[in-house]
Protein backbone atom coordinates (compact mmCIF):
# COMPACT_ATOMS: atom_id res chain seq x y z
CA MET A 1 68.32 47.30 -5.31
CA LYS A 2 68.93 43.58 -4.98
CA HIS A 3 65.74 43.17 -3.00
CA ILE A 4 63.71 44.86 -5.69
CA ILE A 5 65.14 42.58 -8.38
CA VAL A 6 64.40 39.47 -6.27
CA MET A 7 60.80 40.60 -5.75
CA LEU A 8 60.29 41.23 -9.44
CA VAL A 9 61.56 37.76 -10.23
CA LEU A 10 59.47 35.95 -7.56
CA LEU A 11 56.19 37.78 -8.07
CA PRO A 12 55.26 36.08 -11.38
CA VAL A 13 55.92 32.69 -9.82
CA VAL A 14 53.78 33.43 -6.77
CA ALA A 15 50.95 34.80 -8.90
CA ASN A 16 50.92 31.73 -11.15
CA LEU A 17 50.90 29.42 -8.11
CA ALA A 18 47.92 31.31 -6.63
CA THR A 19 46.05 31.02 -9.91
CA ALA A 20 46.63 27.27 -10.07
CA GLN A 21 45.47 26.83 -6.46
CA TYR A 22 42.15 28.60 -7.01
CA ALA A 23 41.53 26.87 -10.31
CA ALA A 24 42.05 23.46 -8.66
CA ASP A 25 39.44 24.17 -5.98
CA PRO A 26 35.95 23.93 -7.59
CA HIS A 27 34.26 25.12 -4.38
CA SER A 28 36.37 28.22 -3.96
CA PRO A 29 34.32 31.43 -3.73
CA ASP A 30 36.82 32.96 -6.16
CA ALA A 31 36.09 30.45 -8.86
CA GLU A 32 36.27 33.19 -11.48
CA LEU A 33 40.05 33.00 -11.18
CA ARG A 34 39.85 29.71 -13.08
CA THR A 35 38.92 31.55 -16.29
CA SER A 36 41.35 34.42 -15.94
CA ALA A 37 45.14 34.50 -16.00
CA ILE A 38 47.28 36.86 -13.99
CA ILE A 39 50.10 38.26 -16.07
CA VAL A 40 52.79 40.22 -14.32
CA HIS A 41 55.03 42.34 -16.50
CA PRO A 42 58.49 43.26 -15.46
CA GLY A 43 58.51 46.65 -13.98
CA THR A 44 55.08 46.40 -12.43
CA SER A 45 55.20 47.52 -8.84
CA ALA A 46 54.36 45.19 -6.01
CA SER A 47 51.68 47.53 -4.74
CA ARG A 48 49.98 47.54 -8.18
CA ILE A 49 49.99 43.74 -8.27
CA GLU A 50 48.67 43.53 -4.74
CA GLY A 51 45.92 46.02 -5.57
CA ASP A 52 44.88 44.02 -8.65
CA LEU A 53 44.68 40.73 -6.77
CA ARG A 54 43.04 41.82 -3.53
CA PRO A 55 39.51 42.45 -4.90
CA ASN A 56 39.40 39.03 -6.54
CA MET A 57 40.55 37.30 -3.41
CA LEU A 58 37.87 38.72 -1.15
CA PRO A 59 35.45 35.94 -0.06
CA THR A 60 31.97 36.16 -1.50
CA ALA A 61 28.85 36.20 0.70
CA ALA A 62 27.46 32.85 1.82
CA PRO A 63 24.27 31.80 0.04
CA ALA A 64 21.01 32.54 1.82
CA ALA A 65 19.47 29.78 3.92
CA SER A 66 16.63 29.42 1.42
CA GLN A 67 19.17 28.86 -1.39
CA GLN A 68 21.28 26.32 0.39
CA PHE A 69 21.12 22.75 -0.86
CA ASP A 70 19.05 20.51 1.32
CA PRO A 71 20.13 16.91 0.78
CA PRO A 72 17.33 14.34 0.51
CA HIS A 73 16.34 12.68 3.73
CA THR A 74 17.29 9.11 4.30
CA GLU A 75 14.08 7.15 3.78
CA ALA A 76 12.98 4.14 5.77
CA TYR A 77 11.32 1.02 4.37
CA HIS A 78 13.45 0.73 1.24
CA GLY A 79 12.62 4.14 -0.16
CA GLU A 80 8.93 4.03 0.63
CA PRO A 81 7.49 7.03 2.49
CA LEU A 82 5.81 6.63 5.83
CA HIS A 83 2.15 7.50 6.28
CA GLY A 84 0.69 10.78 7.39
CA ASN A 85 2.85 13.67 6.16
CA ALA A 86 6.07 11.74 6.67
CA LEU A 87 9.26 12.42 4.76
CA ALA A 88 8.98 11.92 1.02
CA PRO A 89 11.41 9.57 -0.77
CA ALA A 90 14.39 11.08 -2.54
CA TYR A 91 13.06 10.22 -5.98
CA GLU A 92 9.53 11.53 -5.41
CA SER A 93 8.27 15.08 -5.14
CA ASP A 94 6.15 16.11 -2.16
CA ILE A 95 3.61 17.60 -4.57
CA LEU A 96 3.70 15.44 -7.69
CA ALA A 97 4.35 11.82 -6.80
CA ALA A 98 5.23 9.29 -9.46
CA ARG A 99 2.71 6.82 -7.98
CA PRO A 100 0.46 8.71 -5.54
CA ILE A 101 -1.94 5.75 -5.18
CA ARG A 102 -0.97 2.21 -4.24
CA TYR A 103 -2.97 -0.89 -5.08
CA TRP A 104 -2.50 -4.01 -2.94
CA LEU A 105 -3.78 -7.57 -3.23
CA GLY A 106 -3.60 -9.55 0.00
CA LEU A 107 -4.11 -13.10 1.20
CA GLY A 108 -4.39 -13.84 4.91
CA LEU A 109 -4.31 -16.94 7.08
CA GLY A 110 -5.42 -17.10 10.67
CA ALA A 111 -8.21 -18.17 12.98
CA TYR A 112 -11.53 -16.85 14.22
CA ALA A 113 -13.66 -17.47 17.27
CA TYR A 114 -17.46 -17.41 17.02
CA MET A 115 -19.88 -16.92 19.88
CA HIS A 116 -23.62 -17.64 19.70
CA GLU A 117 -25.45 -15.10 21.83
CA GLY A 118 -29.09 -15.08 22.82
CA PHE A 119 -31.23 -18.19 22.43
CA PHE A 120 -33.47 -20.13 20.06
CA SER A 121 -36.27 -22.67 20.56
CA PRO A 122 -36.79 -25.20 17.77
CA SER A 123 -40.24 -26.83 18.16
CA CYS A 124 -40.16 -26.85 21.96
CA ASP A 125 -40.77 -24.81 25.04
CA CYS A 126 -37.06 -24.71 25.71
CA GLU A 127 -33.99 -22.62 24.98
CA PHE A 128 -30.62 -23.39 23.42
CA ARG A 129 -27.86 -20.86 24.05
CA ASP A 130 -24.18 -20.05 24.70
CA GLU A 131 -22.17 -22.18 22.30
CA ASP A 132 -18.90 -21.10 20.73
CA GLY A 133 -15.91 -22.45 18.83
CA VAL A 134 -12.67 -21.68 16.98
CA ARG A 135 -11.90 -22.40 13.34
CA PHE A 136 -9.20 -21.86 10.73
CA MET A 137 -9.67 -18.78 8.52
CA MET A 138 -8.57 -17.66 5.05
CA THR A 139 -9.20 -14.11 3.81
CA GLY A 140 -8.61 -12.15 0.62
CA GLU A 141 -8.38 -8.36 0.41
CA PHE A 142 -8.08 -5.66 -2.26
CA ARG A 143 -6.78 -2.37 -0.89
CA VAL A 144 -6.40 1.11 -2.42
CA GLU A 145 -4.00 3.28 -0.42
CA TYR A 146 -3.36 7.03 -0.48
CA PRO A 147 -0.07 7.26 1.46
CA LYS A 148 0.25 11.05 1.43
CA MET A 149 -3.20 11.35 3.01
CA GLY A 150 -2.76 8.56 5.56
CA PHE A 151 -5.93 6.96 4.22
CA ALA A 152 -6.98 3.76 2.45
CA TRP A 153 -10.06 1.70 1.69
CA SER A 154 -10.44 -2.01 1.02
CA VAL A 155 -12.84 -4.87 0.51
CA MET A 156 -12.27 -8.17 2.34
CA LEU A 157 -13.75 -11.55 1.44
CA SER A 158 -13.97 -14.44 3.91
CA TYR A 159 -15.86 -17.66 4.59
CA PHE A 160 -17.34 -18.25 8.04
CA ASP A 161 -18.68 -21.48 9.54
CA ALA A 162 -20.38 -21.02 12.91
CA SER A 163 -21.91 -24.49 13.06
CA ALA A 164 -22.27 -25.94 16.54
CA GLU A 165 -24.11 -28.60 18.50
CA PHE A 166 -26.28 -27.15 21.25
CA SER A 167 -27.47 -29.31 24.13
CA ARG A 168 -29.24 -29.00 27.42
CA GLU A 169 -30.18 -31.53 30.11
CA ASP A 170 -33.18 -31.59 32.44
CA THR A 171 -35.12 -33.97 34.66
CA ARG A 172 -38.84 -34.47 34.27
CA SER A 173 -41.43 -36.64 35.97
CA SER A 174 -42.50 -39.23 33.40
CA VAL A 175 -45.29 -41.78 33.20
CA ILE A 176 -44.09 -45.36 33.25
CA VAL A 177 -46.15 -48.04 31.45
CA GLY A 178 -47.93 -50.47 33.75
CA ASP A 179 -48.65 -50.09 37.40
CA ASN A 180 -45.28 -48.49 38.12
CA PRO A 181 -45.36 -45.05 39.71
CA ASP A 182 -44.17 -41.98 37.83
CA LEU A 183 -40.44 -41.70 37.65
CA ASP A 184 -38.08 -38.75 37.40
CA VAL A 185 -36.27 -39.29 34.11
CA GLU A 186 -33.19 -37.42 32.91
CA TYR A 187 -33.28 -36.18 29.31
CA ARG A 188 -30.83 -34.50 26.99
CA ASN A 189 -32.11 -32.23 24.23
CA SER A 190 -29.76 -31.31 21.43
CA SER A 191 -29.84 -29.24 18.26
CA ASP A 192 -27.25 -29.61 15.53
CA VAL A 193 -26.96 -26.15 13.94
CA ARG A 194 -25.35 -25.68 10.54
CA LEU A 195 -24.63 -22.02 9.87
CA GLU A 196 -22.31 -20.85 7.06
CA TRP A 197 -21.97 -17.61 5.14
CA VAL A 198 -19.68 -15.62 2.84
CA SER A 199 -18.57 -12.35 4.40
CA ILE A 200 -18.02 -9.24 2.26
CA ARG A 201 -16.49 -6.44 4.34
CA PRO A 202 -15.80 -3.00 2.82
CA GLY A 203 -14.01 -0.59 5.12
CA VAL A 204 -11.70 2.41 5.46
CA PHE A 205 -8.24 2.71 7.04
CA TRP A 206 -6.84 5.54 9.14
CA TYR A 207 -3.07 5.51 9.58
CA ILE A 208 -1.55 7.03 12.68
CA PRO A 209 0.72 9.91 11.46
CA ARG A 210 4.31 8.92 10.74
CA SER A 211 3.51 5.27 11.35
CA SER A 212 2.36 2.14 9.56
CA PHE A 213 -0.06 1.34 12.40
CA PHE A 214 -3.69 1.62 11.29
CA LEU A 215 -7.28 1.35 12.45
CA ARG A 216 -9.95 0.01 10.13
CA GLY A 217 -13.72 0.37 10.39
CA GLY A 218 -16.52 -0.79 8.14
CA PHE A 219 -19.46 -3.12 7.84
CA GLU A 220 -20.20 -6.67 6.80
CA VAL A 221 -22.69 -8.06 4.31
CA GLY A 222 -23.06 -11.79 4.89
CA VAL A 223 -24.44 -13.97 2.11
CA PRO A 224 -25.92 -17.12 3.71
CA LEU A 225 -24.84 -20.50 2.38
CA THR A 226 -26.41 -22.83 4.96
CA ALA A 227 -28.82 -22.11 7.83
CA ARG A 228 -30.40 -25.31 9.19
CA TYR A 229 -31.03 -27.02 12.53
CA ASP A 230 -32.83 -29.98 14.12
CA HIS A 231 -34.03 -31.07 17.56
CA VAL A 232 -33.42 -34.49 19.08
CA GLU A 233 -34.30 -35.74 22.59
CA ARG A 234 -32.53 -38.66 24.30
CA ILE A 235 -33.22 -40.52 27.56
CA LEU A 236 -30.21 -40.69 29.85
CA THR A 237 -31.74 -42.65 32.75
CA PRO A 238 -30.76 -46.35 32.47
CA GLY A 239 -33.58 -48.86 31.97
CA VAL A 240 -36.09 -46.30 30.72
CA GLU A 241 -37.23 -46.25 27.08
CA TYR A 242 -39.83 -44.66 24.87
CA TYR A 243 -42.92 -46.64 23.84
CA ASP A 244 -41.18 -47.87 20.68
CA GLY A 245 -38.33 -49.35 22.71
CA THR A 246 -35.72 -46.68 21.77
CA THR A 247 -34.00 -43.99 23.80
CA GLU A 248 -33.98 -41.36 21.07
CA ASN A 249 -36.86 -39.27 19.79
CA ILE A 250 -36.53 -36.90 16.81
CA LEU A 251 -38.70 -33.92 17.67
CA LEU A 252 -37.70 -31.93 14.57
CA GLY A 253 -35.90 -33.26 11.54
CA GLU A 254 -33.23 -31.06 9.92
CA THR A 255 -34.95 -28.01 8.50
CA ASP A 256 -34.23 -24.45 7.47
CA ILE A 257 -33.86 -21.91 10.24
CA PRO A 258 -36.76 -19.43 9.95
CA GLY A 259 -35.39 -16.28 8.31
CA GLY A 260 -31.96 -17.87 7.96
CA GLY A 261 -31.81 -17.10 4.25
CA ARG A 262 -31.72 -13.33 4.78
CA LEU A 263 -28.58 -11.25 4.35
CA ARG A 264 -26.51 -10.79 7.49
CA PHE A 265 -25.38 -7.28 8.44
CA ALA A 266 -22.72 -6.37 10.99
CA LEU A 267 -20.25 -3.66 11.99
CA THR A 268 -16.53 -4.38 11.77
CA ALA A 269 -13.48 -2.94 13.53
CA SER A 270 -9.84 -4.00 13.36
CA LEU A 271 -6.29 -2.82 13.87
CA GLY A 272 -3.01 -3.80 12.27
CA TYR A 273 0.52 -2.85 11.27
CA ASP A 274 2.05 -2.89 7.78
CA ILE A 275 5.60 -4.28 7.69
CA LEU A 276 7.22 -3.49 4.32
CA LEU A 277 9.66 -6.16 3.20
CA SER A 278 10.25 -4.32 -0.08
CA PRO A 279 8.48 -1.56 -2.02
CA SER A 280 6.08 -4.17 -3.43
CA VAL A 281 5.74 -6.78 -0.64
CA ALA A 282 4.37 -6.33 2.88
CA ILE A 283 3.10 -8.51 5.70
CA THR A 284 0.36 -7.24 7.99
CA PRO A 285 -0.60 -8.77 11.34
CA ARG A 286 -4.11 -7.68 12.27
CA ALA A 287 -6.93 -8.46 14.66
CA GLY A 288 -10.59 -7.55 14.47
CA ILE A 289 -14.15 -8.10 15.59
CA ILE A 290 -17.48 -8.37 13.72
CA ALA A 291 -20.53 -7.34 15.75
CA PRO A 292 -23.87 -8.48 14.25
CA LEU A 293 -26.80 -6.16 13.62
CA THR A 294 -29.24 -8.84 12.49
CA ASN A 295 -30.50 -12.06 14.09
CA VAL A 296 -29.87 -15.55 12.77
CA SER A 297 -33.55 -16.45 13.10
CA SER A 298 -36.54 -14.24 12.48
CA GLN A 299 -38.33 -15.92 15.42
CA ASP A 300 -35.63 -15.69 18.09
CA ASN A 301 -33.19 -13.25 19.65
CA TRP A 302 -30.15 -15.13 18.37
CA THR A 303 -26.94 -13.59 16.98
CA VAL A 304 -23.38 -14.70 16.20
CA LEU A 305 -20.38 -12.54 17.13
CA THR A 306 -16.95 -13.28 15.61
CA ALA A 307 -13.40 -12.19 16.44
CA HIS A 308 -10.37 -12.99 14.31
CA GLY A 309 -6.60 -12.75 14.05
CA LEU A 310 -4.81 -12.76 10.69
CA LEU A 311 -1.37 -12.56 9.10
CA MET A 312 -1.77 -10.98 5.66
CA LEU A 313 0.70 -11.20 2.78
CA ASN A 314 0.20 -8.14 0.55
CA ILE A 315 1.52 -7.74 -3.00
CA ARG A 316 1.62 -4.29 -4.60
CA LEU A 317 0.06 -4.29 -8.05
């Protein structure tokens, strides 16, 4: 009899403690206990109380895998998504992006090498060929990027100066005034070429999936600024002069290169890597080549190939 009395006294306390425990746990599968109170009346049997509580204490089924919460992926590059079906940022839907298109304005500094290929013959039965050089380069670029497609297009603007001094030396038998026999005289022929143009290069980007590494291909339209050359001959053999007492003879004064005023066309190819410093600032090292389709002169098989390396600073508009 004493045991029954003790159980009747302790049961209300145990029930109230159980209710408080479930109410304090917001993740409990029996969260409905937080909105219901368990009242135990004196005289209620222990088996009745146990039967009333047991159904509510049974654990509920775990949610299906499709209903489970999938936390957002940690995003690289300060919240910016990678290219080519990469993970989307936490704040941006995979289907409806807040800014699905990115606009960039870039300025690049670097250097380019130019190589004159083929030959030309200004007012002589001779050939000038194989000159090259390296110069400082500045480039501007406007880019439109579609990051979810791994695609972009851009237009680049640059200034090129492929001016060079061509020279060649030869020895010819020459007539000497007076009774002196003919003499083998050494000559140097030179041509000072001035060749400058503005390069407009539209092109498209292809980003390697899940990477900021890209390949770019396009074409160049070159607007000529200067296309001129001359031809000067000089005597190198000591003690020998021309009839007028000089050692220099201007065979062709500076004149326009035939056909040099035409537009220049070329194919372009480059590669690079976008390094995002922030969502709106990136630097891009890149290297490329411009292969000409047209000749410098309409009278000669003469072209200029260029290769360049750049470090671009890009600002997102």
